[in-house]
Amino acid sequence: MRDQTISEYLSQLADRVPAPGGGAAAALHAAQGAALLGMVARYTTGEKYAEHRDAVERIIARTDTVRSAALRVGEEDAAAFTAVIDAYRLPKGERAEAVAHALAGAARPPAEVVGLARAVVELATELLPIGNRNVITDIAAATEAARAAATTARINVEINLGGIKDEALRAELTAVIATVDDIADRAARLTDAVRLEIAP
């Protein structure tokens, strides 16, 4: 995914193939959110922002890490979903256990995306008060991307929950997706704050 052109990725996403799908799209939302925050932070440098240098440098480093992690998770999601398809193709006697194992694997990447989306919202919360006012709309764009990442990832976890037999893993995944409404609410509040600031 990371080495494709945007056009190639979208063509593959639109094709009649099992992956990439919604899980990869969720990860890409998170990556774009992190990238937008990285851009805003890089515009928040120089003498004018000297008092915030340490915070901005930390935000830049963190957004770069989140962006890279999101791309990795997107690739892992595509591989995990392909494993689910392969498991369903096994002979009947081998299928049930393999499918359960594959579904557990397929639920993990989108669960990780939820955490990455939360990180984007937290970084946006920190950056908004100090960021370069000329690009604060990109903070709102980042939080909207994070919201899309979290809500899309949630549905991709939920679709796999029914086939997961490991109760501890089911509880862990359920706890992760229970945080999505809070992430979405926080993202919405950040967007509202930006819109209020730029209102004529």
C-alpha atoms as a PDB file:
ATOM      1  CA  MET A   1       0.000   0.000   0.000  1.00  0.00           C
ATOM      2  CA  ARG A   2       2.750   2.448   0.929  1.00  0.00           C
ATOM      3  CA  ASP A   3       4.487   2.006  -2.418  1.00  0.00           C
ATOM      4  CA  GLN A   4       1.426   2.392  -4.649  1.00  0.00           C
ATOM      5  CA  THR A   5       0.396   5.603  -6.312  1.00  0.00           C
ATOM      6  CA  ILE A   6      -2.902   7.022  -5.067  1.00  0.00           C
ATOM      7  CA  SER A   7      -4.496   6.071  -8.364  1.00  0.00           C
ATOM      8  CA  GLU A   8      -3.238   2.477  -8.120  1.00  0.00           C
ATOM      9  CA  TYR A   9      -4.497   2.144  -4.555  1.00  0.00           C
ATOM     10  CA  LEU A  10      -7.941   3.514  -5.407  1.00  0.00           C
ATOM     11  CA  SER A  11      -8.199   1.253  -8.449  1.00  0.00           C
ATOM     12  CA  GLN A  12      -7.384  -1.746  -6.272  1.00  0.00           C
ATOM     13  CA  LEU A  13      -9.823  -0.570  -3.606  1.00  0.00           C
ATOM     14  CA  ALA A  14     -12.544  -0.333  -6.254  1.00  0.00           C
ATOM     15  CA  ASP A  15     -11.762  -3.713  -7.787  1.00  0.00           C
ATOM     16  CA  ARG A  16     -13.565  -6.977  -7.103  1.00  0.00           C
ATOM     17  CA  VAL A  17     -10.853  -8.263  -4.781  1.00  0.00           C
ATOM     18  CA  PRO A  18     -11.130  -9.009  -1.052  1.00  0.00           C
ATOM     19  CA  ALA A  19      -8.414  -6.599   0.027  1.00  0.00           C
ATOM     20  CA  PRO A  20      -7.755  -3.756   0.463  1.00  0.00           C
ATOM     21  CA  GLY A  21     -11.146  -2.860   1.873  1.00  0.00           C
ATOM     22  CA  GLY A  22     -12.659  -0.864   4.690  1.00  0.00           C
ATOM     23  CA  GLY A  23      -9.943  -1.769   7.168  1.00  0.00           C
ATOM     24  CA  ALA A  24      -7.184  -0.436   4.945  1.00  0.00           C
ATOM     25  CA  ALA A  25      -9.268   2.664   4.263  1.00  0.00           C
ATOM     26  CA  ALA A  26      -9.641   3.242   8.014  1.00  0.00           C
ATOM     27  CA  ALA A  27      -5.886   3.007   8.462  1.00  0.00           C
ATOM     28  CA  LEU A  28      -5.337   5.459   5.624  1.00  0.00           C
ATOM     29  CA  HIS A  29      -7.747   7.910   7.269  1.00  0.00           C
ATOM     30  CA  ALA A  30      -5.597   7.758  10.404  1.00  0.00           C
ATOM     31  CA  ALA A  31      -2.403   8.200   8.379  1.00  0.00           C
ATOM     32  CA  GLN A  32      -3.828  11.254   6.625  1.00  0.00           C
ATOM     33  CA  GLY A  33      -4.941  12.754   9.924  1.00  0.00           C
ATOM     34  CA  ALA A  34      -1.446  12.337  11.352  1.00  0.00           C
ATOM     35  CA  ALA A  35       0.125  13.771   8.196  1.00  0.00           C
ATOM     36  CA  LEU A  36      -2.083  16.863   8.334  1.00  0.00           C
ATOM     37  CA  LEU A  37      -1.111  17.495  11.940  1.00  0.00           C
ATOM     38  CA  GLY A  38       2.541  17.044  11.016  1.00  0.00           C
ATOM     39  CA  MET A  39       2.120  19.704   8.352  1.00  0.00           C
ATOM     40  CA  VAL A  40       0.474  22.144  10.766  1.00  0.00           C
ATOM     41  CA  ALA A  41       3.200  21.520  13.327  1.00  0.00           C
ATOM     42  CA  ARG A  42       5.912  22.150  10.748  1.00  0.00           C
ATOM     43  CA  TYR A  43       4.248  25.477   9.966  1.00  0.00           C
ATOM     44  CA  THR A  44       4.385  26.228  13.706  1.00  0.00           C
ATOM     45  CA  THR A  45       8.156  26.664  13.852  1.00  0.00           C
ATOM     46  CA  GLY A  46      10.623  29.537  13.894  1.00  0.00           C
ATOM     47  CA  GLU A  47      11.119  32.511  16.152  1.00  0.00           C
ATOM     48  CA  LYS A  48       7.440  33.402  16.334  1.00  0.00           C
ATOM     49  CA  TYR A  49       6.692  30.028  17.960  1.00  0.00           C
ATOM     50  CA  ALA A  50       9.893  29.690  19.979  1.00  0.00           C
ATOM     51  CA  GLU A  51       8.053  29.296  23.279  1.00  0.00           C
ATOM     52  CA  HIS A  52       6.313  26.177  21.912  1.00  0.00           C
ATOM     53  CA  ARG A  53       9.395  24.634  20.274  1.00  0.00           C
ATOM     54  CA  ASP A  54       9.621  21.573  22.527  1.00  0.00           C
ATOM     55  CA  ALA A  55       5.934  20.748  22.216  1.00  0.00           C
ATOM     56  CA  VAL A  56       5.944  21.256  18.445  1.00  0.00           C
ATOM     57  CA  GLU A  57       9.029  19.108  17.934  1.00  0.00           C
ATOM     58  CA  ARG A  58       7.434  16.337  20.009  1.00  0.00           C
ATOM     59  CA  ILE A  59       4.193  16.603  18.035  1.00  0.00           C
ATOM     60  CA  ILE A  60       6.088  16.402  14.740  1.00  0.00           C
ATOM     61  CA  ALA A  61       7.919  13.270  15.869  1.00  0.00           C
ATOM     62  CA  ARG A  62       4.732  11.666  17.177  1.00  0.00           C
ATOM     63  CA  THR A  63       2.678  12.424  14.077  1.00  0.00           C
ATOM     64  CA  ASP A  64       5.391  10.916  11.890  1.00  0.00           C
ATOM     65  CA  THR A  65       5.343   7.777  14.049  1.00  0.00           C
ATOM     66  CA  VAL A  66       1.551   7.504  13.934  1.00  0.00           C
ATOM     67  CA  ARG A  67       1.514   8.033  10.163  1.00  0.00           C
ATOM     68  CA  SER A  68       4.051   5.249   9.631  1.00  0.00           C
ATOM     69  CA  ALA A  69       2.225   2.928  12.028  1.00  0.00           C
ATOM     70  CA  ALA A  70      -1.083   3.523  10.272  1.00  0.00           C
ATOM     71  CA  LEU A  71       0.397   2.556   6.911  1.00  0.00           C
ATOM     72  CA  ARG A  72       1.840  -0.602   8.442  1.00  0.00           C
ATOM     73  CA  VAL A  73      -1.511  -1.495   9.995  1.00  0.00           C
ATOM     74  CA  GLY A  74      -3.271  -0.895   6.681  1.00  0.00           C
ATOM     75  CA  GLU A  75      -0.997  -3.423   5.029  1.00  0.00           C
ATOM     76  CA  GLU A  76      -1.493  -5.850   7.921  1.00  0.00           C
ATOM     77  CA  ASP A  77      -5.259  -5.471   7.588  1.00  0.00           C
ATOM     78  CA  ALA A  78      -5.173  -6.397   3.910  1.00  0.00           C
ATOM     79  CA  ALA A  79      -3.053  -9.467   4.671  1.00  0.00           C
ATOM     80  CA  ALA A  80      -5.286 -10.488   7.585  1.00  0.00           C
ATOM     81  CA  PHE A  81      -8.456 -10.264   5.530  1.00  0.00           C
ATOM     82  CA  THR A  82      -6.862 -12.315   2.767  1.00  0.00           C
ATOM     83  CA  ALA A  83      -6.130 -14.955   5.424  1.00  0.00           C
ATOM     84  CA  VAL A  84      -9.845 -15.014   6.334  1.00  0.00           C
ATOM     85  CA  ILE A  85     -10.789 -15.651   2.702  1.00  0.00           C
ATOM     86  CA  ASP A  86      -8.194 -18.423   2.492  1.00  0.00           C
ATOM     87  CA  ALA A  87      -9.538 -20.011   5.693  1.00  0.00           C
ATOM     88  CA  TYR A  88     -13.069 -20.155   4.289  1.00  0.00           C
ATOM     89  CA  ARG A  89     -11.700 -22.063   1.277  1.00  0.00           C
ATOM     90  CA  LEU A  90     -10.298 -24.904   3.399  1.00  0.00           C
ATOM     91  CA  PRO A  91     -11.959 -28.333   3.503  1.00  0.00           C
ATOM     92  CA  LYS A  92     -14.921 -28.457   5.873  1.00  0.00           C
ATOM     93  CA  GLY A  93     -13.123 -30.425   8.578  1.00  0.00           C
ATOM     94  CA  GLU A  94     -10.301 -27.884   8.823  1.00  0.00           C
ATOM     95  CA  ARG A  95     -12.338 -24.769   8.222  1.00  0.00           C
ATOM     96  CA  ALA A  96     -13.967 -23.853  11.552  1.00  0.00           C
ATOM     97  CA  GLU A  97     -10.801 -23.574  13.634  1.00  0.00           C
ATOM     98  CA  ALA A  98      -8.895 -21.844  10.842  1.00  0.00           C
ATOM     99  CA  VAL A  99     -11.698 -19.332  10.302  1.00  0.00           C
ATOM    100  CA  ALA A 100     -11.899 -18.503  14.024  1.00  0.00           C
ATOM    101  CA  HIS A 101      -8.144 -17.992  14.123  1.00  0.00           C
ATOM    102  CA  ALA A 102      -8.207 -15.852  10.976  1.00  0.00           C
ATOM    103  CA  LEU A 103     -11.089 -13.701  12.252  1.00  0.00           C
ATOM    104  CA  ALA A 104      -9.163 -13.036  15.453  1.00  0.00           C
ATOM    105  CA  GLY A 105      -6.222 -11.917  13.330  1.00  0.00           C
ATOM    106  CA  ALA A 106      -8.462  -9.761  11.149  1.00  0.00           C
ATOM    107  CA  ALA A 107      -9.913  -7.930  14.154  1.00  0.00           C
ATOM    108  CA  ARG A 108      -6.553  -6.829  15.512  1.00  0.00           C
ATOM    109  CA  PRO A 109      -5.496  -4.299  12.834  1.00  0.00           C
ATOM    110  CA  PRO A 110      -8.713  -2.244  12.979  1.00  0.00           C
ATOM    111  CA  ALA A 111      -8.546  -2.331  16.774  1.00  0.00           C
ATOM    112  CA  GLU A 112      -5.072  -0.842  16.491  1.00  0.00           C
ATOM    113  CA  VAL A 113      -6.439   1.829  14.124  1.00  0.00           C
ATOM    114  CA  VAL A 114      -8.826   2.933  16.883  1.00  0.00           C
ATOM    115  CA  GLY A 115      -5.798   3.620  19.080  1.00  0.00           C
ATOM    116  CA  LEU A 116      -4.060   5.505  16.292  1.00  0.00           C
ATOM    117  CA  ALA A 117      -7.170   7.607  15.713  1.00  0.00           C
ATOM    118  CA  ARG A 118      -7.243   8.432  19.419  1.00  0.00           C
ATOM    119  CA  ALA A 119      -3.601   9.511  19.197  1.00  0.00           C
ATOM    120  CA  VAL A 120      -4.415  11.845  16.294  1.00  0.00           C
ATOM    121  CA  VAL A 121      -7.233  13.471  18.273  1.00  0.00           C
ATOM    122  CA  GLU A 122      -5.020  13.861  21.340  1.00  0.00           C
ATOM    123  CA  LEU A 123      -2.263  15.462  19.273  1.00  0.00           C
ATOM    124  CA  ALA A 124      -4.791  17.773  17.610  1.00  0.00           C
ATOM    125  CA  THR A 125      -6.062  18.803  21.042  1.00  0.00           C
ATOM    126  CA  GLU A 126      -2.537  19.761  22.041  1.00  0.00           C
ATOM    127  CA  LEU A 127      -1.717  21.500  18.766  1.00  0.00           C
ATOM    128  CA  LEU A 128      -4.868  23.576  18.309  1.00  0.00           C
ATOM    129  CA  PRO A 129      -4.129  26.233  20.957  1.00  0.00           C
ATOM    130  CA  ILE A 130      -0.559  26.816  19.750  1.00  0.00           C
ATOM    131  CA  GLY A 131      -0.686  26.003  16.035  1.00  0.00           C
ATOM    132  CA  ASN A 132      -0.155  28.483  13.220  1.00  0.00           C
ATOM    133  CA  ARG A 133      -3.578  30.112  12.789  1.00  0.00           C
ATOM    134  CA  ASN A 134      -3.153  30.219   8.997  1.00  0.00           C
ATOM    135  CA  VAL A 135      -3.489  26.424   8.821  1.00  0.00           C
ATOM    136  CA  ILE A 136      -5.826  25.584  11.693  1.00  0.00           C
ATOM    137  CA  THR A 137      -8.477  24.318   9.284  1.00  0.00           C
ATOM    138  CA  ASP A 138      -6.085  21.449   8.619  1.00  0.00           C
ATOM    139  CA  ILE A 139      -6.346  20.538  12.291  1.00  0.00           C
ATOM    140  CA  ALA A 140     -10.092  20.175  11.769  1.00  0.00           C
ATOM    141  CA  ALA A 141      -9.441  18.124   8.637  1.00  0.00           C
ATOM    142  CA  ALA A 142      -7.131  15.907  10.683  1.00  0.00           C
ATOM    143  CA  THR A 143      -9.713  15.342  13.405  1.00  0.00           C
ATOM    144  CA  GLU A 144     -12.374  14.512  10.823  1.00  0.00           C
ATOM    145  CA  ALA A 145      -9.993  11.979   9.285  1.00  0.00           C
ATOM    146  CA  ALA A 146      -9.399  10.534  12.752  1.00  0.00           C
ATOM    147  CA  ARG A 147     -13.133  10.319  13.374  1.00  0.00           C
ATOM    148  CA  ALA A 148     -13.602   8.457  10.088  1.00  0.00           C
ATOM    149  CA  ALA A 149     -10.712   6.165  10.985  1.00  0.00           C
ATOM    150  CA  ALA A 150     -12.180   5.280  14.375  1.00  0.00           C
ATOM    151  CA  THR A 151     -15.764   4.722  13.244  1.00  0.00           C
ATOM    152  CA  THR A 152     -14.716   2.745  10.169  1.00  0.00           C
ATOM    153  CA  ALA A 153     -12.332   0.625  12.219  1.00  0.00           C
ATOM    154  CA  ARG A 154     -15.085  -0.068  14.765  1.00  0.00           C
ATOM    155  CA  ILE A 155     -17.363  -1.624  12.180  1.00  0.00           C
ATOM    156  CA  ASN A 156     -14.477  -3.758  10.959  1.00  0.00           C
ATOM    157  CA  VAL A 157     -13.892  -5.066  14.473  1.00  0.00           C
ATOM    158  CA  GLU A 158     -17.595  -5.683  15.008  1.00  0.00           C
ATOM    159  CA  ILE A 159     -17.964  -7.791  11.864  1.00  0.00           C
ATOM    160  CA  ASN A 160     -15.300 -10.177  13.162  1.00  0.00           C
ATOM    161  CA  LEU A 161     -16.437 -10.408  16.802  1.00  0.00           C
ATOM    162  CA  GLY A 162     -19.131 -13.016  16.208  1.00  0.00           C
ATOM    163  CA  GLY A 163     -16.663 -15.576  14.903  1.00  0.00           C
ATOM    164  CA  ILE A 164     -14.023 -15.117  17.625  1.00  0.00           C
ATOM    165  CA  LYS A 165     -14.106 -17.919  20.207  1.00  0.00           C
ATOM    166  CA  ASP A 166     -11.434 -16.541  22.543  1.00  0.00           C
ATOM    167  CA  GLU A 167     -13.469 -14.803  25.265  1.00  0.00           C
ATOM    168  CA  ALA A 168     -10.519 -12.792  26.555  1.00  0.00           C
ATOM    169  CA  LEU A 169      -9.838 -11.437  23.082  1.00  0.00           C
ATOM    170  CA  ARG A 170     -13.534 -10.681  22.557  1.00  0.00           C
ATOM    171  CA  ALA A 171     -13.567  -8.705  25.806  1.00  0.00           C
ATOM    172  CA  GLU A 172     -10.391  -6.849  24.827  1.00  0.00           C
ATOM    173  CA  LEU A 173     -11.762  -5.919  21.403  1.00  0.00           C
ATOM    174  CA  THR A 174     -15.132  -4.912  22.838  1.00  0.00           C
ATOM    175  CA  ALA A 175     -13.377  -2.597  25.279  1.00  0.00           C
ATOM    176  CA  VAL A 176     -11.400  -0.996  22.432  1.00  0.00           C
ATOM    177  CA  ILE A 177     -14.441  -0.246  20.281  1.00  0.00           C
ATOM    178  CA  ALA A 178     -16.325   1.079  23.312  1.00  0.00           C
ATOM    179  CA  THR A 179     -13.935   4.070  23.190  1.00  0.00           C
ATOM    180  CA  VAL A 180     -14.918   5.079  19.649  1.00  0.00           C
ATOM    181  CA  ASP A 181     -17.857   7.290  20.590  1.00  0.00           C
ATOM    182  CA  ASP A 182     -15.583   9.321  22.873  1.00  0.00           C
ATOM    183  CA  ILE A 183     -12.985   9.675  20.102  1.00  0.00           C
ATOM    184  CA  ALA A 184     -15.665  10.794  17.659  1.00  0.00           C
ATOM    185  CA  ASP A 185     -17.123  13.271  20.170  1.00  0.00           C
ATOM    186  CA  ARG A 186     -13.718  14.779  20.917  1.00  0.00           C
ATOM    187  CA  ALA A 187     -12.994  15.075  17.195  1.00  0.00           C
ATOM    188  CA  ALA A 188     -16.315  16.828  16.642  1.00  0.00           C
ATOM    189  CA  ARG A 189     -15.592  19.301  19.442  1.00  0.00           C
ATOM    190  CA  LEU A 190     -12.220  20.142  17.924  1.00  0.00           C
ATOM    191  CA  THR A 191     -13.788  20.714  14.525  1.00  0.00           C
ATOM    192  CA  ASP A 192     -16.442  22.906  16.134  1.00  0.00           C
ATOM    193  CA  ALA A 193     -13.732  24.932  17.883  1.00  0.00           C
ATOM    194  CA  VAL A 194     -11.946  25.539  14.584  1.00  0.00           C
ATOM    195  CA  ARG A 195     -15.171  26.490  12.823  1.00  0.00           C
ATOM    196  CA  LEU A 196     -16.001  28.929  15.620  1.00  0.00           C
ATOM    197  CA  GLU A 197     -12.589  30.554  15.312  1.00  0.00           C
ATOM    198  CA  ILE A 198     -12.793  31.011  11.540  1.00  0.00           C
ATOM    199  CA  ALA A 199     -16.443  32.089  11.456  1.00  0.00           C
ATOM    200  CA  PRO A 200     -16.916  35.505   9.799  1.00  0.00           C
END
